[in-house]
Protein backbone atom coordinates (compact mmCIF):
# COMPACT_ATOMS: atom_id res chain seq x y z
CA GLN A 1 0.00 0.00 0.00
CA VAL A 2 1.68 3.13 -1.27
CA ARG A 3 0.22 6.53 -1.98
CA LEU A 4 1.92 8.82 -4.47
CA ALA A 5 1.46 12.53 -3.96
CA GLU A 6 2.26 14.68 -6.99
CA SER A 7 2.87 18.39 -7.24
CA GLY A 8 4.41 20.98 -9.53
CA GLY A 9 2.17 21.06 -12.58
CA GLY A 10 0.92 24.27 -14.07
CA LEU A 11 0.77 26.59 -17.03
CA VAL A 12 3.98 27.85 -18.60
CA GLN A 13 5.06 29.48 -21.82
CA ALA A 14 7.05 27.62 -24.44
CA GLY A 15 10.69 27.55 -23.47
CA GLY A 16 9.89 27.68 -19.79
CA SER A 17 10.49 25.16 -17.05
CA LEU A 18 8.57 23.17 -14.47
CA ARG A 19 9.66 20.78 -11.76
CA LEU A 20 7.35 17.92 -10.85
CA SER A 21 7.60 16.09 -7.55
CA CYS A 22 6.15 12.78 -6.45
CA ALA A 23 6.43 11.67 -2.84
CA ALA A 24 5.69 8.12 -1.75
CA SER A 25 3.86 7.60 1.51
CA ARG A 26 6.40 5.09 2.75
CA THR A 27 9.87 3.86 2.01
CA ILE A 28 10.18 1.08 -0.55
CA PHE A 29 12.91 -1.26 0.62
CA SER A 30 12.92 -3.67 -2.30
CA GLY A 31 14.11 -2.93 -5.81
CA ASN A 32 11.78 -0.63 -7.67
CA VAL A 33 11.31 1.74 -10.57
CA MET A 34 9.68 5.14 -10.30
CA GLY A 35 8.76 7.11 -13.34
CA TRP A 36 6.64 9.67 -15.07
CA TYR A 37 4.09 8.97 -17.77
CA ARG A 38 1.97 11.44 -19.66
CA GLN A 39 -1.24 11.35 -21.61
CA ALA A 40 -2.42 14.05 -23.97
CA PRO A 41 -6.01 14.29 -25.22
CA GLY A 42 -6.63 11.77 -27.97
CA LYS A 43 -3.30 10.04 -27.45
CA GLN A 44 -2.17 6.95 -25.61
CA ARG A 45 -0.30 7.14 -22.35
CA GLU A 46 3.44 7.14 -22.87
CA LEU A 47 6.51 6.79 -20.73
CA VAL A 48 8.38 10.05 -20.25
CA ALA A 49 11.21 8.90 -17.99
CA ASP A 50 11.91 6.45 -15.23
CA ILE A 51 14.60 5.73 -12.70
CA THR A 52 15.48 2.61 -10.77
CA SER A 53 16.20 2.41 -7.08
CA GLY A 54 19.82 2.06 -8.12
CA GLY A 55 19.77 5.29 -10.10
CA SER A 56 19.64 4.05 -13.69
CA THR A 57 17.55 6.32 -15.91
CA ASN A 58 15.59 5.97 -19.11
CA TYR A 59 14.05 8.72 -21.25
CA ALA A 60 11.66 8.92 -24.13
CA ASP A 61 13.31 10.25 -27.26
CA ALA A 62 10.98 13.24 -27.29
CA VAL A 63 12.33 14.57 -23.99
CA LYS A 64 15.99 13.61 -24.09
CA GLY A 65 18.20 16.56 -23.40
CA ARG A 66 15.35 18.61 -21.97
CA PHE A 67 13.99 16.61 -19.03
CA THR A 68 15.89 15.17 -16.10
CA ILE A 69 14.55 12.58 -13.71
CA SER A 70 16.06 12.13 -10.27
CA ARG A 71 15.17 10.63 -6.94
CA ASP A 72 15.92 11.14 -3.29
CA ASN A 73 15.55 7.79 -1.59
CA GLY A 74 15.90 9.38 1.82
CA LYS A 75 12.80 11.46 1.12
CA ASP A 76 11.02 8.74 -0.89
CA THR A 77 10.57 11.27 -3.66
CA VAL A 78 11.11 11.35 -7.41
CA TYR A 79 11.47 14.54 -9.43
CA LEU A 80 11.11 15.51 -13.05
CA GLN A 81 12.85 18.70 -14.07
CA MET A 82 11.36 19.87 -17.36
CA ASN A 83 13.24 22.51 -19.31
CA SER A 84 12.75 24.01 -22.75
CA LEU A 85 9.11 23.03 -22.67
CA LYS A 86 7.20 22.77 -25.92
CA PRO A 87 3.46 22.91 -26.61
CA GLU A 88 3.57 19.22 -27.50
CA ASP A 89 4.60 18.51 -23.90
CA THR A 90 1.10 19.49 -22.81
CA ALA A 91 -0.47 16.51 -21.05
CA VAL A 92 -1.51 15.08 -17.74
CA TYR A 93 1.60 13.72 -16.08
CA TYR A 94 1.32 10.68 -13.83
CA CYS A 95 3.80 9.39 -11.30
CA ASN A 96 4.27 5.64 -11.34
CA LEU A 97 5.86 3.08 -9.03
CA GLN A 98 6.65 -0.55 -9.80
CA ILE A 99 8.01 -2.86 -7.13
CA GLY A 100 10.09 -5.97 -7.72
CA PRO A 101 10.79 -8.76 -7.95
CA ASN A 102 7.57 -9.66 -9.76
CA TRP A 103 6.79 -6.16 -11.07
CA ALA A 104 3.11 -7.01 -11.15
CA THR A 105 1.77 -4.11 -9.11
CA ARG A 106 1.67 -0.55 -10.35
CA TYR A 107 0.91 2.43 -8.17
CA TRP A 108 -0.18 5.68 -9.75
CA GLY A 109 -0.42 9.25 -8.66
CA GLN A 110 -3.55 11.24 -9.31
CA GLY A 111 -2.01 13.10 -12.23
CA THR A 112 -0.98 16.71 -12.59
CA GLN A 113 -1.76 18.92 -15.56
CA VAL A 114 1.09 20.49 -17.50
CA THR A 115 0.08 23.04 -20.10
CA VAL A 116 2.60 24.77 -22.36
CA SER A 117 1.38 27.75 -24.34
CA SER A 118 2.91 28.80 -27.64
């Protein structure tokens, strides 16, 4: 049982920046992956970036070089720093947690709206 509390979404102009945060309600002691997904109207949900408990990262091609994912295991929090935002980044962003070793259970945040104006 883990709750994910997201914050940091909002409205920004193209070229601006936002920092999303996602705090887990408790420490996850086993291996895990935390990440950010997004879903724009009329499109399927897609992975934006994720990071393992060991610190390995993965990014979607569309955000490479602009977004940075990080985590603070001491605070049970994952961050997504979004720079050089584009209108096509507009979407609802969801925090996600997967816990090993079976990776069968996914926890989701409530979603936070990111809107980038041109």
